[in-house]
PDB file of all heavy atoms in Angstrom:
ATOM      1  N   SER A   1     124.308 119.426 105.150  1.00  0.00           N
ATOM      2  CA  SER A   1     124.144 117.997 104.663  1.00  0.00           C
ATOM      3  C   SER A   1     123.099 117.318 105.433  1.00  0.00           C
ATOM      4  O   SER A   1     122.400 116.428 104.858  1.00  0.00           O
ATOM      5  CB  SER A   1     125.483 117.310 104.695  1.00  0.00           C
ATOM      6  OG  SER A   1     126.007 117.137 106.010  1.00  0.00           O
ATOM      7  N   ASP A   2     122.916 117.513 106.746  1.00  0.00           N
ATOM      8  CA  ASP A   2     121.913 116.793 107.561  1.00  0.00           C
ATOM      9  C   ASP A   2     120.484 117.192 107.115  1.00  0.00           C
ATOM     10  O   ASP A   2     119.598 116.449 107.034  1.00  0.00           O
ATOM     11  CB  ASP A   2     122.102 117.108 109.052  1.00  0.00           C
ATOM     12  CG  ASP A   2     123.143 116.275 109.681  1.00  0.00           C
ATOM     13  OD1 ASP A   2     123.472 115.165 109.160  1.00  0.00           O
ATOM     14  OD2 ASP A   2     123.729 116.683 110.824  1.00  0.00           O
ATOM     15  N   ILE A   3     120.384 118.511 106.896  1.00  0.00           N
ATOM     16  CA  ILE A   3     119.005 119.056 106.378  1.00  0.00           C
ATOM     17  C   ILE A   3     118.688 118.356 105.062  1.00  0.00           C
ATOM     18  O   ILE A   3     117.578 117.866 104.818  1.00  0.00           O
ATOM     19  CB  ILE A   3     119.091 120.605 106.234  1.00  0.00           C
ATOM     20  CG1 ILE A   3     119.147 121.274 107.518  1.00  0.00           C
ATOM     21  CG2 ILE A   3     117.889 120.997 105.501  1.00  0.00           C
ATOM     22  CD1 ILE A   3     119.333 122.743 107.498  1.00  0.00           C
ATOM     23  N   LEU A   4     119.654 118.221 104.119  1.00  0.00           N
ATOM     24  CA  LEU A   4     119.413 117.706 102.808  1.00  0.00           C
ATOM     25  C   LEU A   4     119.164 116.169 102.912  1.00  0.00           C
ATOM     26  O   LEU A   4     118.290 115.645 102.300  1.00  0.00           O
ATOM     27  CB  LEU A   4     120.617 117.946 101.930  1.00  0.00           C
ATOM     28  CG  LEU A   4     120.897 119.529 101.558  1.00  0.00           C
ATOM     29  CD1 LEU A   4     122.188 119.586 100.770  1.00  0.00           C
ATOM     30  CD2 LEU A   4     119.740 120.072 100.870  1.00  0.00           C
ATOM     31  N   LEU A   5     119.974 115.481 103.790  1.00  0.00           N
ATOM     32  CA  LEU A   5     119.855 114.001 103.889  1.00  0.00           C
ATOM     33  C   LEU A   5     118.419 113.722 104.381  1.00  0.00           C
ATOM     34  O   LEU A   5     117.804 112.822 103.804  1.00  0.00           O
ATOM     35  CB  LEU A   5     120.879 113.515 104.842  1.00  0.00           C
ATOM     36  CG  LEU A   5     120.770 112.008 105.168  1.00  0.00           C
ATOM     37  CD1 LEU A   5     121.205 111.261 103.872  1.00  0.00           C
ATOM     38  CD2 LEU A   5     121.855 111.634 106.245  1.00  0.00           C
ATOM     39  N   SER A   6     117.946 114.350 105.402  1.00  0.00           N
ATOM     40  CA  SER A   6     116.592 114.090 105.986  1.00  0.00           C
ATOM     41  C   SER A   6     115.421 114.501 104.969  1.00  0.00           C
ATOM     42  O   SER A   6     114.450 113.805 104.930  1.00  0.00           O
ATOM     43  CB  SER A   6     116.442 114.709 107.296  1.00  0.00           C
ATOM     44  OG  SER A   6     116.646 116.069 107.287  1.00  0.00           O
ATOM     45  N   THR A   7     115.687 115.646 104.279  1.00  0.00           N
ATOM     46  CA  THR A   7     114.660 116.109 103.410  1.00  0.00           C
ATOM     47  C   THR A   7     114.538 115.330 102.122  1.00  0.00           C
ATOM     48  O   THR A   7     113.422 115.312 101.516  1.00  0.00           O
ATOM     49  CB  THR A   7     114.979 117.615 103.036  1.00  0.00           C
ATOM     50  OG1 THR A   7     115.001 118.439 104.317  1.00  0.00           O
ATOM     51  CG2 THR A   7     113.861 118.173 102.172  1.00  0.00           C
ATOM     52  N   VAL A   8     115.687 114.781 101.666  1.00  0.00           N
ATOM     53  CA  VAL A   8     115.451 113.879 100.424  1.00  0.00           C
ATOM     54  C   VAL A   8     114.625 112.660 100.651  1.00  0.00           C
ATOM     55  O   VAL A   8     113.954 112.263  99.664  1.00  0.00           O
ATOM     56  CB  VAL A   8     116.942 113.445 100.006  1.00  0.00           C
ATOM     57  CG1 VAL A   8     116.890 112.262  99.128  1.00  0.00           C
ATOM     58  CG2 VAL A   8     117.692 114.544  99.398  1.00  0.00           C
ATOM     59  N   THR A   9     114.493 112.142 101.795  1.00  0.00           N
ATOM     60  CA  THR A   9     113.783 110.873 102.066  1.00  0.00           C
ATOM     61  C   THR A   9     112.523 110.985 103.019  1.00  0.00           C
ATOM     62  O   THR A   9     111.541 110.427 102.731  1.00  0.00           O
ATOM     63  CB  THR A   9     114.784 109.971 102.827  1.00  0.00           C
ATOM     64  OG1 THR A   9     115.371 110.601 103.987  1.00  0.00           O
ATOM     65  CG2 THR A   9     115.849 109.501 101.921  1.00  0.00           C
ATOM     66  N   THR A  10     112.634 111.896 104.018  1.00  0.00           N
ATOM     67  CA  THR A  10     111.487 111.820 105.046  1.00  0.00           C
ATOM     68  C   THR A  10     110.179 112.253 104.555  1.00  0.00           C
ATOM     69  O   THR A  10     109.195 111.637 104.923  1.00  0.00           O
ATOM     70  CB  THR A  10     111.953 112.695 106.274  1.00  0.00           C
ATOM     71  OG1 THR A  10     113.223 112.336 106.678  1.00  0.00           O
ATOM     72  CG2 THR A  10     110.968 112.449 107.421  1.00  0.00           C
ATOM     73  N   PRO A  11     109.974 113.369 103.744  1.00  0.00           N
ATOM     74  CA  PRO A  11     108.689 113.769 103.274  1.00  0.00           C
ATOM     75  C   PRO A  11     107.923 112.598 102.486  1.00  0.00           C
ATOM     76  O   PRO A  11     106.786 112.340 102.791  1.00  0.00           O
ATOM     77  CB  PRO A  11     108.962 115.043 102.361  1.00  0.00           C
ATOM     78  CG  PRO A  11     110.182 115.550 102.969  1.00  0.00           C
ATOM     79  CD  PRO A  11     111.025 114.464 103.294  1.00  0.00           C
ATOM     80  N   LYS A  12     108.631 111.938 101.617  1.00  0.00           N
ATOM     81  CA  LYS A  12     107.980 110.808 100.935  1.00  0.00           C
ATOM     82  C   LYS A  12     107.728 109.667 101.890  1.00  0.00           C
ATOM     83  O   LYS A  12     106.654 108.966 101.783  1.00  0.00           O
ATOM     84  CB  LYS A  12     108.927 110.346  99.778  1.00  0.00           C
ATOM     85  CG  LYS A  12     108.344 109.327  98.926  1.00  0.00           C
ATOM     86  CD  LYS A  12     107.082 109.798  98.175  1.00  0.00           C
ATOM     87  CE  LYS A  12     106.505 108.761  97.315  1.00  0.00           C
ATOM     88  NZ  LYS A  12     105.244 109.161  96.685  1.00  0.00           N
ATOM     89  N   MET A  13     108.592 109.450 102.792  1.00  0.00           N
ATOM     90  CA  MET A  13     108.416 108.358 103.799  1.00  0.00           C
ATOM     91  C   MET A  13     107.075 108.662 104.573  1.00  0.00           C
ATOM     92  O   MET A  13     106.296 107.750 104.811  1.00  0.00           O
ATOM     93  CB  MET A  13     109.588 108.421 104.733  1.00  0.00           C
ATOM     94  CG  MET A  13     109.805 107.143 105.703  1.00  0.00           C
ATOM     95  SD  MET A  13     110.954 107.450 106.873  1.00  0.00           S
ATOM     96  CE  MET A  13     112.492 107.746 105.824  1.00  0.00           C
ATOM     97  N   LEU A  14     106.887 109.903 105.037  1.00  0.00           N
ATOM     98  CA  LEU A  14     105.676 110.210 105.757  1.00  0.00           C
ATOM     99  C   LEU A  14     104.390 110.091 104.920  1.00  0.00           C
ATOM    100  O   LEU A  14     103.345 109.788 105.378  1.00  0.00           O
ATOM    101  CB  LEU A  14     105.842 111.592 106.304  1.00  0.00           C
ATOM    102  CG  LEU A  14     106.924 111.840 107.460  1.00  0.00           C
ATOM    103  CD1 LEU A  14     107.020 113.309 107.778  1.00  0.00           C
ATOM    104  CD2 LEU A  14     106.627 110.949 108.678  1.00  0.00           C
ATOM    105  N   ALA A  15     104.556 110.437 103.617  1.00  0.00           N
ATOM    106  CA  ALA A  15     103.463 110.285 102.698  1.00  0.00           C
ATOM    107  C   ALA A  15     103.005 108.861 102.547  1.00  0.00           C
ATOM    108  O   ALA A  15     101.882 108.533 102.510  1.00  0.00           O
ATOM    109  CB  ALA A  15     103.825 110.878 101.304  1.00  0.00           C
ATOM    110  N   ILE A  16     103.996 107.968 102.551  1.00  0.00           N
ATOM    111  CA  ILE A  16     103.685 106.605 102.606  1.00  0.00           C
ATOM    112  C   ILE A  16     103.016 106.112 103.853  1.00  0.00           C
ATOM    113  O   ILE A  16     102.002 105.440 103.804  1.00  0.00           O
ATOM    114  CB  ILE A  16     104.996 105.736 102.345  1.00  0.00           C
ATOM    115  CG1 ILE A  16     105.559 106.035 100.990  1.00  0.00           C
ATOM    116  CG2 ILE A  16     104.730 104.192 102.463  1.00  0.00           C
ATOM    117  CD1 ILE A  16     107.047 105.425 100.850  1.00  0.00           C
ATOM    118  N   PHE A  17     103.536 106.528 104.941  1.00  0.00           N
ATOM    119  CA  PHE A  17     102.899 106.222 106.261  1.00  0.00           C
ATOM    120  C   PHE A  17     101.582 106.713 106.592  1.00  0.00           C
ATOM    121  O   PHE A  17     100.660 106.021 107.134  1.00  0.00           O
ATOM    122  CB  PHE A  17     103.889 106.623 107.409  1.00  0.00           C
ATOM    123  CG  PHE A  17     105.238 105.855 107.384  1.00  0.00           C
ATOM    124  CD1 PHE A  17     106.367 106.423 108.086  1.00  0.00           C
ATOM    125  CD2 PHE A  17     105.392 104.695 106.783  1.00  0.00           C
ATOM    126  CE1 PHE A  17     107.479 105.734 108.117  1.00  0.00           C
ATOM    127  CE2 PHE A  17     106.621 103.962 106.823  1.00  0.00           C
ATOM    128  CZ  PHE A  17     107.620 104.526 107.510  1.00  0.00           C
ATOM    129  N   TRP A  18     101.388 107.969 106.129  1.00  0.00           N
ATOM    130  CA  TRP A  18     100.015 108.681 106.424  1.00  0.00           C
ATOM    131  C   TRP A  18      99.039 108.441 105.278  1.00  0.00           C
ATOM    132  O   TRP A  18      97.827 108.236 105.650  1.00  0.00           O
ATOM    133  CB  TRP A  18     100.282 110.130 106.608  1.00  0.00           C
ATOM    134  CG  TRP A  18     101.022 110.479 107.999  1.00  0.00           C
ATOM    135  CD1 TRP A  18     101.137 109.584 109.131  1.00  0.00           C
ATOM    136  CD2 TRP A  18     101.745 111.679 108.288  1.00  0.00           C
ATOM    137  NE1 TRP A  18     101.882 110.239 109.978  1.00  0.00           N
ATOM    138  CE2 TRP A  18     102.296 111.580 109.620  1.00  0.00           C
ATOM    139  CE3 TRP A  18     102.059 112.741 107.567  1.00  0.00           C
ATOM    140  CZ2 TRP A  18     103.048 112.414 110.251  1.00  0.00           C
ATOM    141  CZ3 TRP A  18     102.813 113.804 108.129  1.00  0.00           C
ATOM    142  CH2 TRP A  18     103.223 113.657 109.468  1.00  0.00           C
ATOM    143  N   LEU A  19      99.441 108.547 104.110  1.00  0.00           N
ATOM    144  CA  LEU A  19      98.544 108.639 103.020  1.00  0.00           C
ATOM    145  C   LEU A  19      98.552 107.324 102.109  1.00  0.00           C
ATOM    146  O   LEU A  19      97.842 107.385 101.075  1.00  0.00           O
ATOM    147  CB  LEU A  19      98.767 109.902 102.173  1.00  0.00           C
ATOM    148  CG  LEU A  19      98.860 111.151 102.883  1.00  0.00           C
ATOM    149  CD1 LEU A  19      99.335 112.338 101.896  1.00  0.00           C
ATOM    150  CD2 LEU A  19      97.499 111.523 103.519  1.00  0.00           C
ATOM    151  N   GLN A  20      99.452 106.421 102.380  1.00  0.00           N
ATOM    152  CA  GLN A  20      99.654 105.291 101.543  1.00  0.00           C
ATOM    153  C   GLN A  20     100.062 105.717 100.150  1.00  0.00           C
ATOM    154  O   GLN A  20      99.700 105.087  99.143  1.00  0.00           O
ATOM    155  CB  GLN A  20      98.428 104.395 101.498  1.00  0.00           C
ATOM    156  CG  GLN A  20      98.175 103.616 102.806  1.00  0.00           C
ATOM    157  CD  GLN A  20      97.543 104.446 103.890  1.00  0.00           C
ATOM    158  OE1 GLN A  20      96.642 105.079 103.651  1.00  0.00           O
ATOM    159  NE2 GLN A  20      98.127 104.503 105.133  1.00  0.00           N
ATOM    160  N   ASP A  21     100.679 106.833 100.015  1.00  0.00           N
ATOM    161  CA  ASP A  21     101.164 107.449  98.723  1.00  0.00           C
ATOM    162  C   ASP A  21     102.484 106.908  98.411  1.00  0.00           C
ATOM    163  O   ASP A  21     103.526 107.733  98.566  1.00  0.00           O
ATOM    164  CB  ASP A  21     100.980 108.913  98.768  1.00  0.00           C
ATOM    165  CG  ASP A  21     101.463 109.603  97.442  1.00  0.00           C
ATOM    166  OD1 ASP A  21     101.401 108.824  96.437  1.00  0.00           O
ATOM    167  OD2 ASP A  21     101.657 110.764  97.461  1.00  0.00           O
ATOM    168  N   GLY A  22     102.642 105.722  98.012  1.00  0.00           N
ATOM    169  CA  GLY A  22     103.997 105.149  97.673  1.00  0.00           C
ATOM    170  C   GLY A  22     104.368 105.239  96.255  1.00  0.00           C
ATOM    171  O   GLY A  22     105.413 104.756  95.875  1.00  0.00           O
ATOM    172  N   GLY A  23     103.519 105.838  95.434  1.00  0.00           N
ATOM    173  CA  GLY A  23     103.807 105.861  94.002  1.00  0.00           C
ATOM    174  C   GLY A  23     104.991 106.849  93.683  1.00  0.00           C
ATOM    175  O   GLY A  23     105.045 107.858  94.243  1.00  0.00           O
ATOM    176  N   ILE A  24     105.783 106.360  92.753  1.00  0.00           N
ATOM    177  CA  ILE A  24     106.890 107.202  92.470  1.00  0.00           C
ATOM    178  C   ILE A  24     107.372 106.718  90.928  1.00  0.00           C
ATOM    179  O   ILE A  24     107.417 105.597  90.601  1.00  0.00           O
ATOM    180  CB  ILE A  24     108.076 107.110  93.400  1.00  0.00           C
ATOM    181  CG1 ILE A  24     109.216 108.145  93.017  1.00  0.00           C
ATOM    182  CG2 ILE A  24     108.740 105.653  93.395  1.00  0.00           C
ATOM    183  CD1 ILE A  24     110.287 108.187  94.193  1.00  0.00           C
ATOM    184  N   SER A  25     107.669 107.593  90.139  1.00  0.00           N
ATOM    185  CA  SER A  25     108.213 107.376  88.741  1.00  0.00           C
ATOM    186  C   SER A  25     109.631 106.902  88.828  1.00  0.00           C
ATOM    187  O   SER A  25     110.342 107.076  89.803  1.00  0.00           O
ATOM    188  CB  SER A  25     108.166 108.643  87.866  1.00  0.00           C
ATOM    189  OG  SER A  25     109.024 109.599  88.260  1.00  0.00           O
ATOM    190  N   PHE A  26     110.058 106.225  87.739  1.00  0.00           N
ATOM    191  CA  PHE A  26     111.370 105.706  87.735  1.00  0.00           C
ATOM    192  C   PHE A  26     112.420 106.751  87.787  1.00  0.00           C
ATOM    193  O   PHE A  26     113.434 106.725  88.457  1.00  0.00           O
ATOM    194  CB  PHE A  26     111.656 104.898  86.348  1.00  0.00           C
ATOM    195  CG  PHE A  26     112.934 104.135  86.311  1.00  0.00           C
ATOM    196  CD1 PHE A  26     113.161 102.963  86.983  1.00  0.00           C
ATOM    197  CD2 PHE A  26     114.013 104.702  85.642  1.00  0.00           C
ATOM    198  CE1 PHE A  26     114.380 102.338  86.975  1.00  0.00           C
ATOM    199  CE2 PHE A  26     115.262 104.114  85.569  1.00  0.00           C
ATOM    200  CZ  PHE A  26     115.439 102.899  86.241  1.00  0.00           C
ATOM    201  N   VAL A  27     112.226 107.891  86.998  1.00  0.00           N
ATOM    202  CA  VAL A  27     113.144 109.015  87.097  1.00  0.00           C
ATOM    203  C   VAL A  27     113.298 109.630  88.527  1.00  0.00           C
ATOM    204  O   VAL A  27     114.310 109.908  88.962  1.00  0.00           O
ATOM    205  CB  VAL A  27     112.781 110.058  85.997  1.00  0.00           C
ATOM    206  CG1 VAL A  27     113.576 111.299  86.081  1.00  0.00           C
ATOM    207  CG2 VAL A  27     112.805 109.508  84.640  1.00  0.00           C
ATOM    208  N   SER A  28     112.101 109.801  89.150  1.00  0.00           N
ATOM    209  CA  SER A  28     112.103 110.396  90.408  1.00  0.00           C
ATOM    210  C   SER A  28     112.816 109.444  91.462  1.00  0.00           C
ATOM    211  O   SER A  28     113.494 110.015  92.404  1.00  0.00           O
ATOM    212  CB  SER A  28     110.663 110.602  90.943  1.00  0.00           C
ATOM    213  OG  SER A  28     109.997 111.524  90.144  1.00  0.00           O
ATOM    214  N   CYS A  29     112.710 108.156  91.346  1.00  0.00           N
ATOM    215  CA  CYS A  29     113.216 107.121  92.090  1.00  0.00           C
ATOM    216  C   CYS A  29     114.761 107.254  91.999  1.00  0.00           C
ATOM    217  O   CYS A  29     115.489 107.148  92.999  1.00  0.00           O
ATOM    218  CB  CYS A  29     112.654 105.784  91.796  1.00  0.00           C
ATOM    219  SG  CYS A  29     113.022 104.508  93.078  1.00  0.00           S
ATOM    220  N   VAL A  30     115.198 107.168  90.784  1.00  0.00           N
ATOM    221  CA  VAL A  30     116.680 107.291  90.448  1.00  0.00           C
ATOM    222  C   VAL A  30     117.276 108.571  90.964  1.00  0.00           C
ATOM    223  O   VAL A  30     118.345 108.597  91.588  1.00  0.00           O
ATOM    224  CB  VAL A  30     116.944 107.109  88.979  1.00  0.00           C
ATOM    225  CG1 VAL A  30     118.431 107.396  88.711  1.00  0.00           C
ATOM    226  CG2 VAL A  30     116.546 105.692  88.530  1.00  0.00           C
ATOM    227  N   SER A  31     116.442 109.665  90.878  1.00  0.00           N
ATOM    228  CA  SER A  31     116.902 110.992  91.390  1.00  0.00           C
ATOM    229  C   SER A  31     117.108 110.903  92.902  1.00  0.00           C
ATOM    230  O   SER A  31     118.083 111.473  93.514  1.00  0.00           O
ATOM    231  CB  SER A  31     115.942 112.115  90.953  1.00  0.00           C
ATOM    232  OG  SER A  31     115.907 112.184  89.620  1.00  0.00           O
ATOM    233  N   GLN A  32     116.106 110.386  93.560  1.00  0.00           N
ATOM    234  CA  GLN A  32     116.110 110.180  95.023  1.00  0.00           C
ATOM    235  C   GLN A  32     117.343 109.369  95.464  1.00  0.00           C
ATOM    236  O   GLN A  32     118.081 109.752  96.410  1.00  0.00           O
ATOM    237  CB  GLN A  32     114.947 109.643  95.581  1.00  0.00           C
ATOM    238  CG  GLN A  32     114.915 109.683  97.114  1.00  0.00           C
ATOM    239  CD  GLN A  32     113.609 108.954  97.719  1.00  0.00           C
ATOM    240  OE1 GLN A  32     113.297 107.855  97.398  1.00  0.00           O
ATOM    241  NE2 GLN A  32     112.967 109.628  98.609  1.00  0.00           N
ATOM    242  N   MET A  33     117.580 108.281  94.648  1.00  0.00           N
ATOM    243  CA  MET A  33     118.697 107.315  94.980  1.00  0.00           C
ATOM    244  C   MET A  33     120.025 108.185  94.828  1.00  0.00           C
ATOM    245  O   MET A  33     120.899 108.007  95.759  1.00  0.00           O
ATOM    246  CB  MET A  33     118.722 106.249  93.975  1.00  0.00           C
ATOM    247  CG  MET A  33     119.944 105.317  93.960  1.00  0.00           C
ATOM    248  SD  MET A  33     120.298 104.488  92.480  1.00  0.00           S
ATOM    249  CE  MET A  33     121.028 105.956  91.523  1.00  0.00           C
ATOM    250  N   PHE A  34     120.158 108.826  93.803  1.00  0.00           N
ATOM    251  CA  PHE A  34     121.497 109.625  93.604  1.00  0.00           C
ATOM    252  C   PHE A  34     121.722 110.686  94.696  1.00  0.00           C
ATOM    253  O   PHE A  34     122.781 110.708  95.279  1.00  0.00           O
ATOM    254  CB  PHE A  34     121.462 110.358  92.216  1.00  0.00           C
ATOM    255  CG  PHE A  34     122.559 111.359  92.014  1.00  0.00           C
ATOM    256  CD1 PHE A  34     123.834 110.889  91.827  1.00  0.00           C
ATOM    257  CD2 PHE A  34     122.298 112.693  92.224  1.00  0.00           C
ATOM    258  CE1 PHE A  34     124.918 111.777  91.676  1.00  0.00           C
ATOM    259  CE2 PHE A  34     123.391 113.566  92.055  1.00  0.00           C
ATOM    260  CZ  PHE A  34     124.721 113.176  91.801  1.00  0.00           C
TER     261      PHE A  34
END
């Protein structure tokens, strides 16, 4: 569960910090939320 918890959020988080790639579709956002 720790691997999944960090992997659901951290890669996108790092993309925002490094590449300013904060774009996400509504479906992807809801999937990440769930």
